[in-house]
Structure formats: structure tokens, C-alpha cells
Amino acid sequence: MGFTFLGMTYSKLKAFKKQETKAKFEKLKIDKILKKYKIEYHPTFIFENKIHGIQELKVNLEFRNWIKKRTTTAYKINV
């Protein structure tokens, strides 16, 4: 029975690592494109109250383009 739980845990860990590797690769592609066009970004994360098991997260992305002065975009994500 212990080997069954160990196998299940290992498969979950392997799936998580696969998703993490994919996300890192996608981020590197996006960063490469933004660097080409001289665009920088600075994210700010604000964790709000957790209500009934739902964590609210406010994400503020501030983009700075050297051609334009500054652009700020705010997003609200429910996790």
C-alpha cells in the first residue's frame, strides 16, 4: 500500500515539474520578445482576503516602453 501512495506522489511531482518547465520556457520566450522591442515590465502582487476558500489576488503590471513613456495595466485574478 505504501508503494501505491509513493507512486501517486511521484506522478504528481513529475506533472508539476513538467508544467513548471513549460511555464519557464514560455516566460523566456516572452522576455526575449520584450527585450527586442525594449519593453520592461514590473509586476506587483497583492494578496487579499481569502473568502470561502477563494483567494483574491490583484496583479498590477507596469510596462515601460522606451518609445512611449509609461503604460500601466491592472488585472484582478481569483485563485
Protein backbone atom coordinates (compact mmCIF):
# COMPACT_ATOMS: atom_id res chain seq x y z
CA MET A 1 0.00 0.00 0.00
CA GLY A 2 2.90 2.35 0.74
CA PHE A 3 4.30 1.89 -2.76
CA THR A 4 0.94 2.91 -4.22
CA PHE A 5 0.97 6.22 -2.35
CA LEU A 6 4.62 6.73 -3.24
CA GLY A 7 3.84 6.14 -6.92
CA MET A 8 0.91 8.55 -6.84
CA THR A 9 3.04 11.20 -5.15
CA TYR A 10 5.85 10.75 -7.66
CA SER A 11 3.47 11.09 -10.62
CA LYS A 12 2.03 14.33 -9.16
CA LEU A 13 5.53 15.71 -8.62
CA LYS A 14 6.55 14.77 -12.16
CA ALA A 15 3.46 16.51 -13.62
CA PHE A 16 4.20 19.64 -11.56
CA LYS A 17 7.83 19.73 -12.75
CA LYS A 18 6.66 19.37 -16.36
CA GLN A 19 4.25 22.31 -16.00
CA GLU A 20 6.94 24.39 -14.28
CA THR A 21 9.44 23.73 -17.07
CA LYS A 22 6.85 24.66 -19.70
CA ALA A 23 5.98 27.91 -17.87
CA LYS A 24 9.67 28.87 -17.57
CA PHE A 25 10.18 28.24 -21.29
CA GLU A 26 7.15 30.39 -22.18
CA LYS A 27 8.40 33.20 -19.90
CA LEU A 28 11.82 33.12 -21.56
CA LYS A 29 10.19 33.43 -25.00
CA ILE A 30 8.10 36.41 -23.87
CA ASP A 31 11.10 38.09 -22.20
CA LYS A 32 13.13 37.66 -25.38
CA ILE A 33 10.46 39.39 -27.48
CA LEU A 34 10.01 42.22 -24.94
CA LYS A 35 13.77 42.77 -24.82
CA LYS A 36 13.87 43.00 -28.61
CA TYR A 37 11.35 45.87 -28.52
CA LYS A 38 12.94 47.45 -25.40
CA ILE A 39 9.91 46.93 -23.19
CA GLU A 40 10.37 46.31 -19.48
CA TYR A 41 7.74 45.12 -17.06
CA HIS A 42 7.42 45.15 -13.29
CA PRO A 43 4.67 43.03 -11.68
CA THR A 44 3.20 43.79 -8.26
CA PHE A 45 1.12 41.14 -6.49
CA ILE A 46 -1.34 41.97 -3.69
CA PHE A 47 -2.95 39.04 -1.86
CA GLU A 48 -6.33 40.00 -0.47
CA ASN A 49 -8.64 38.21 1.98
CA LYS A 50 -9.46 34.58 1.47
CA ILE A 51 -13.26 34.28 1.40
CA HIS A 52 -14.90 30.83 1.44
CA GLY A 53 -11.76 29.16 0.12
CA ILE A 54 -11.25 31.61 -2.77
CA GLN A 55 -8.05 33.65 -2.63
CA GLU A 56 -8.28 37.00 -4.37
CA LEU A 57 -5.11 38.27 -5.96
CA LYS A 58 -4.61 41.67 -7.57
CA VAL A 59 -1.86 41.86 -10.15
CA ASN A 60 -0.56 45.22 -11.31
CA LEU A 61 1.67 45.03 -14.37
CA GLU A 62 3.59 48.16 -15.13
CA PHE A 63 5.06 48.23 -18.62
CA ARG A 64 7.73 50.70 -19.54
CA ASN A 65 8.46 51.24 -23.19
CA TRP A 66 11.35 53.47 -24.09
CA ILE A 67 9.43 54.80 -27.11
CA LYS A 68 6.33 55.63 -25.06
CA LYS A 69 6.60 57.00 -21.54
CA ARG A 70 4.73 54.51 -19.33
CA THR A 71 1.72 52.23 -19.52
CA THR A 72 0.15 50.54 -16.50
CA THR A 73 -2.36 47.71 -16.69
CA ALA A 74 -4.14 46.26 -13.65
CA TYR A 75 -5.61 42.75 -13.54
CA LYS A 76 -7.71 41.01 -10.91
CA ILE A 77 -7.36 37.26 -10.65
CA ASN A 78 -9.40 34.92 -8.46
CA VAL A 79 -7.42 31.87 -7.41
